[in-house]
Protein backbone atom coordinates (compact mmCIF):
# COMPACT_ATOMS: atom_id res chain seq x y z
CA UNK A 1 152.82 189.28 72.73
CA UNK A 2 156.32 189.17 74.23
CA UNK A 3 156.41 185.38 74.45
CA UNK A 4 155.78 184.95 70.72
CA UNK A 5 159.43 185.86 70.06
CA UNK A 6 160.78 183.75 72.94
CA UNK A 7 163.38 181.20 71.82
CA UNK A 8 163.75 178.13 73.99
CA UNK A 9 167.30 177.05 74.77
CA UNK A 10 166.21 173.39 74.71
CA UNK A 11 163.38 171.80 72.69
CA UNK A 12 159.86 172.05 74.13
CA UNK A 13 159.58 168.27 73.83
CA UNK A 14 162.09 167.88 76.66
CA UNK A 15 159.94 169.99 78.97
CA UNK A 16 156.90 167.94 78.02
CA UNK A 17 158.69 164.63 78.61
CA UNK A 18 160.07 165.87 81.93
CA UNK A 19 156.59 166.93 83.01
CA UNK A 20 155.16 163.52 82.07
CA UNK A 21 157.95 161.79 84.00
CA UNK A 22 157.21 163.90 87.07
CA UNK A 23 153.48 163.17 86.80
CA UNK A 24 154.27 159.45 86.53
CA UNK A 25 156.52 159.49 89.59
CA UNK A 26 154.05 161.48 91.68
CA UNK A 27 150.99 159.56 90.44
CA UNK A 28 152.26 156.04 91.08
CA UNK A 29 154.01 156.79 94.38
CA UNK A 30 150.99 158.72 95.70
CA UNK A 31 148.68 155.84 94.80
CA UNK A 32 150.92 153.45 96.74
CA UNK A 33 151.05 155.88 99.68
CA UNK A 34 147.25 156.21 99.73
CA UNK A 35 146.55 152.48 99.50
CA UNK A 36 149.18 151.56 102.10
CA UNK A 37 148.97 154.63 104.32
CA UNK A 38 145.28 154.36 105.25
CA UNK A 39 145.52 150.72 106.50
CA UNK A 40 148.68 151.67 108.38
CA UNK A 41 146.92 154.64 109.99
CA UNK A 42 143.96 152.43 110.92
CA UNK A 43 146.31 149.93 112.55
CA UNK A 44 147.91 152.72 114.56
CA UNK A 45 144.46 153.84 115.73
CA UNK A 46 142.83 150.51 116.59
CA UNK A 47 145.93 149.08 118.34
CA UNK A 48 146.46 152.21 120.44
CA UNK A 49 145.34 152.26 124.10
CA UNK A 50 141.54 152.46 124.07
CA UNK A 51 141.25 151.06 120.54
CA UNK A 52 139.05 148.03 119.96
CA UNK A 53 142.12 145.96 119.02
CA UNK A 54 144.47 147.58 121.49
CA UNK A 55 147.93 146.06 121.49
CA UNK A 56 150.58 148.32 123.02
CA UNK A 57 153.45 146.23 121.67
CA UNK A 58 152.15 146.25 118.09
CA UNK A 59 151.31 149.93 118.28
CA UNK A 60 154.76 150.77 119.63
CA UNK A 61 156.56 148.76 116.94
CA UNK A 62 154.49 150.36 114.17
CA UNK A 63 155.18 153.77 115.64
CA UNK A 64 158.93 153.11 115.68
CA UNK A 65 158.90 152.03 112.03
CA UNK A 66 156.82 155.00 110.91
CA UNK A 67 158.87 157.51 112.88
CA UNK A 68 162.11 155.95 111.67
CA UNK A 69 161.28 156.42 107.99
CA UNK A 70 159.92 159.92 108.60
CA UNK A 71 163.09 160.95 110.39
CA UNK A 72 165.37 160.15 107.44
CA UNK A 73 165.73 162.99 104.89
CA UNK A 74 164.48 161.95 101.47
CA UNK A 75 167.81 162.42 99.69
CA UNK A 76 169.49 160.16 102.28
CA UNK A 77 166.72 157.56 102.00
CA UNK A 78 167.01 157.71 98.22
CA UNK A 79 170.66 156.71 98.37
CA UNK A 80 170.22 154.18 101.19
CA UNK A 81 167.52 152.33 99.25
CA UNK A 82 169.63 151.93 96.09
CA UNK A 83 170.24 148.16 96.65
CA UNK A 84 166.54 147.57 97.39
CA UNK A 85 165.49 149.68 94.40
CA UNK A 86 167.82 147.71 92.12
CA UNK A 87 166.31 144.46 93.44
CA UNK A 88 162.73 145.63 92.89
CA UNK A 89 162.91 147.37 89.50
CA UNK A 90 166.30 146.18 88.20
CA UNK A 91 167.82 149.66 87.89
CA UNK A 92 168.82 152.64 90.01
CA UNK A 93 168.18 155.40 87.47
CA UNK A 94 165.07 156.56 85.70
CA UNK A 95 161.45 157.15 86.66
CA UNK A 96 160.67 153.72 88.10
CA UNK A 97 163.83 153.74 90.20
CA UNK A 98 162.59 156.97 91.81
CA UNK A 99 159.09 155.63 92.43
CA UNK A 100 160.35 153.05 94.96
CA UNK A 101 161.93 155.50 97.44
CA UNK A 102 159.19 158.06 96.80
CA UNK A 103 156.50 155.54 97.75
CA UNK A 104 158.43 154.29 100.79
CA UNK A 105 159.07 157.84 101.99
CA UNK A 106 155.54 159.16 101.46
CA UNK A 107 153.63 156.20 102.97
CA UNK A 108 154.58 156.80 106.63
CA UNK A 109 154.27 160.55 106.10
CA UNK A 110 150.69 160.18 104.88
CA UNK A 111 149.91 157.51 107.49
CA UNK A 112 150.67 159.93 110.33
CA UNK A 113 148.49 162.63 108.79
CA UNK A 114 145.65 160.15 108.28
CA UNK A 115 146.10 158.92 111.86
CA UNK A 116 145.50 162.44 113.16
CA UNK A 117 142.25 162.67 111.19
CA UNK A 118 141.09 159.25 112.39
CA UNK A 119 141.91 160.13 115.99
CA UNK A 120 139.58 163.12 115.79
CA UNK A 121 136.54 160.94 115.10
CA UNK A 122 134.04 161.36 117.95
CA UNK A 123 134.50 158.43 120.38
CA UNK A 124 130.77 158.56 121.02
CA UNK A 125 130.12 157.40 117.48
CA UNK A 126 132.43 154.42 117.99
CA UNK A 127 130.73 153.50 121.26
CA UNK A 128 127.30 153.83 119.66
CA UNK A 129 128.32 151.53 116.82
CA UNK A 130 129.69 148.98 119.28
CA UNK A 131 126.46 149.17 121.35
CA UNK A 132 124.47 148.42 118.19
CA UNK A 133 126.50 145.25 117.70
CA UNK A 134 128.49 146.44 114.67
CA UNK A 135 131.47 144.30 113.76
CA UNK A 136 134.93 145.79 113.86
CA UNK A 137 135.15 145.98 110.05
CA UNK A 138 131.79 147.78 109.92
CA UNK A 139 133.01 150.34 112.45
CA UNK A 140 136.08 151.01 110.30
CA UNK A 141 134.10 151.10 107.06
CA UNK A 142 131.01 153.04 108.18
CA UNK A 143 132.27 155.20 111.06
CA UNK A 144 136.02 155.83 111.00
CA UNK A 145 136.57 156.33 107.28
CA UNK A 146 133.47 158.44 106.41
CA UNK A 147 133.96 160.72 109.42
CA UNK A 148 137.67 161.19 108.85
CA UNK A 149 137.64 161.34 105.04
CA UNK A 150 137.73 165.16 104.67
CA UNK A 151 140.82 165.31 106.88
CA UNK A 152 142.37 162.32 105.09
CA UNK A 153 141.92 163.95 101.69
CA UNK A 154 143.34 167.20 103.04
CA UNK A 155 146.34 165.27 104.30
CA UNK A 156 146.67 163.46 100.99
CA UNK A 157 146.82 166.84 99.25
CA UNK A 158 149.72 167.82 101.52
CA UNK A 159 151.38 164.49 100.68
CA UNK A 160 151.02 165.16 96.95
CA UNK A 161 152.65 168.56 97.30
CA UNK A 162 155.52 167.00 99.27
CA UNK A 163 155.89 164.32 96.58
CA UNK A 164 156.20 166.94 93.85
CA UNK A 165 159.05 168.50 95.82
CA UNK A 166 160.70 165.12 96.46
CA UNK A 167 160.37 164.07 92.82
CA UNK A 168 162.28 167.19 91.81
CA UNK A 169 164.94 166.34 94.40
CA UNK A 170 165.22 162.82 92.93
CA UNK A 171 166.57 164.43 89.76
CA UNK A 172 169.88 164.79 91.59
CA UNK A 173 170.51 161.06 91.09
CA UNK A 174 169.28 160.79 87.52
CA UNK A 175 165.65 159.97 88.21
CA UNK A 176 164.35 162.06 85.34
CA UNK A 177 161.52 164.56 85.50
CA UNK A 178 161.60 168.29 86.01
CA UNK A 179 164.24 168.10 88.74
CA UNK A 180 166.64 166.27 86.46
CA UNK A 181 166.02 168.83 83.74
CA UNK A 182 166.71 171.71 86.13
CA UNK A 183 169.95 170.15 87.40
CA UNK A 184 171.41 169.01 84.07
CA UNK A 185 170.48 172.03 82.00
CA UNK A 186 169.63 174.80 84.44
CA UNK A 187 172.33 174.30 87.07
CA UNK A 188 175.19 172.47 85.35
CA UNK A 189 174.92 174.53 82.14
CA UNK A 190 174.00 177.79 83.91
CA UNK A 191 170.83 178.12 81.84
CA UNK A 192 168.56 180.52 83.75
CA UNK A 193 165.73 180.08 81.27
CA UNK A 194 165.45 176.36 82.04
CA UNK A 195 165.43 177.01 85.79
CA UNK A 196 162.69 179.62 85.49
CA UNK A 197 160.48 177.42 83.29
CA UNK A 198 160.91 174.42 85.59
CA UNK A 199 160.05 176.50 88.65
CA UNK A 200 156.94 177.86 86.93
CA UNK A 201 155.83 174.34 86.00
CA UNK A 202 156.35 173.09 89.56
CA UNK A 203 154.43 176.03 91.00
CA UNK A 204 151.61 175.38 88.53
CA UNK A 205 151.47 171.70 89.52
CA UNK A 206 151.33 172.52 93.24
CA UNK A 207 148.65 175.17 92.65
CA UNK A 208 146.43 172.78 90.70
CA UNK A 209 146.86 169.96 93.24
CA UNK A 210 146.07 172.26 96.16
CA UNK A 211 143.03 173.72 94.41
CA UNK A 212 141.58 170.31 93.54
CA UNK A 213 142.32 168.99 97.03
CA UNK A 214 140.57 171.94 98.69
CA UNK A 215 137.55 171.55 96.43
CA UNK A 216 137.33 167.86 97.24
CA UNK A 217 137.54 168.52 100.99
CA UNK A 218 134.78 171.15 100.81
CA UNK A 219 132.57 168.75 98.84
CA UNK A 220 133.08 165.95 101.38
CA UNK A 221 132.25 168.25 104.30
CA UNK A 222 128.96 169.29 102.75
CA UNK A 223 127.75 165.70 102.38
């Protein structure tokens, strides 16, 4: 085959390490976004007008915070959070330094997507649960989350894809991963081979994530 005679311009180990770094950045930051984004989305829903904990002031403040972080481009947020990142992880370069801004950027993004899914839950189900005397936590646990879960997982898949893109962008400030490899070797050294391989790896990652996310959503909808 043609690829048997292909000579890599940089060792294969560097591609492997860059891929692992990207998986680490995306994995940890997405876990933080999932664990923090769902409670944030629930707060936006239950404190909204008509929610069972309606509080216009709280809802408005949360909305301002979420919209504020979503409005800032990731590369700008990455630089703006350098002092905070240094305080949290003790450094501003490397994988863990990128995880902080990635998690902060993706949490409000995912929270808004999850909020849309939660808002689409049939109000009749909420009223029926309240008429049966269910406590507020039970309504969240047994009505909101199960009904909205397919949409939440679909939104989480979109968040993962966005995180893969952002993790590559973080390579511009020495965060490591595939983006760093593409910039240092592909762009600065004009190595087309590195750029092509990195692009193929990123496309493969997005394809796998989207496929698994779609399968999970279909499974949840059939339950």
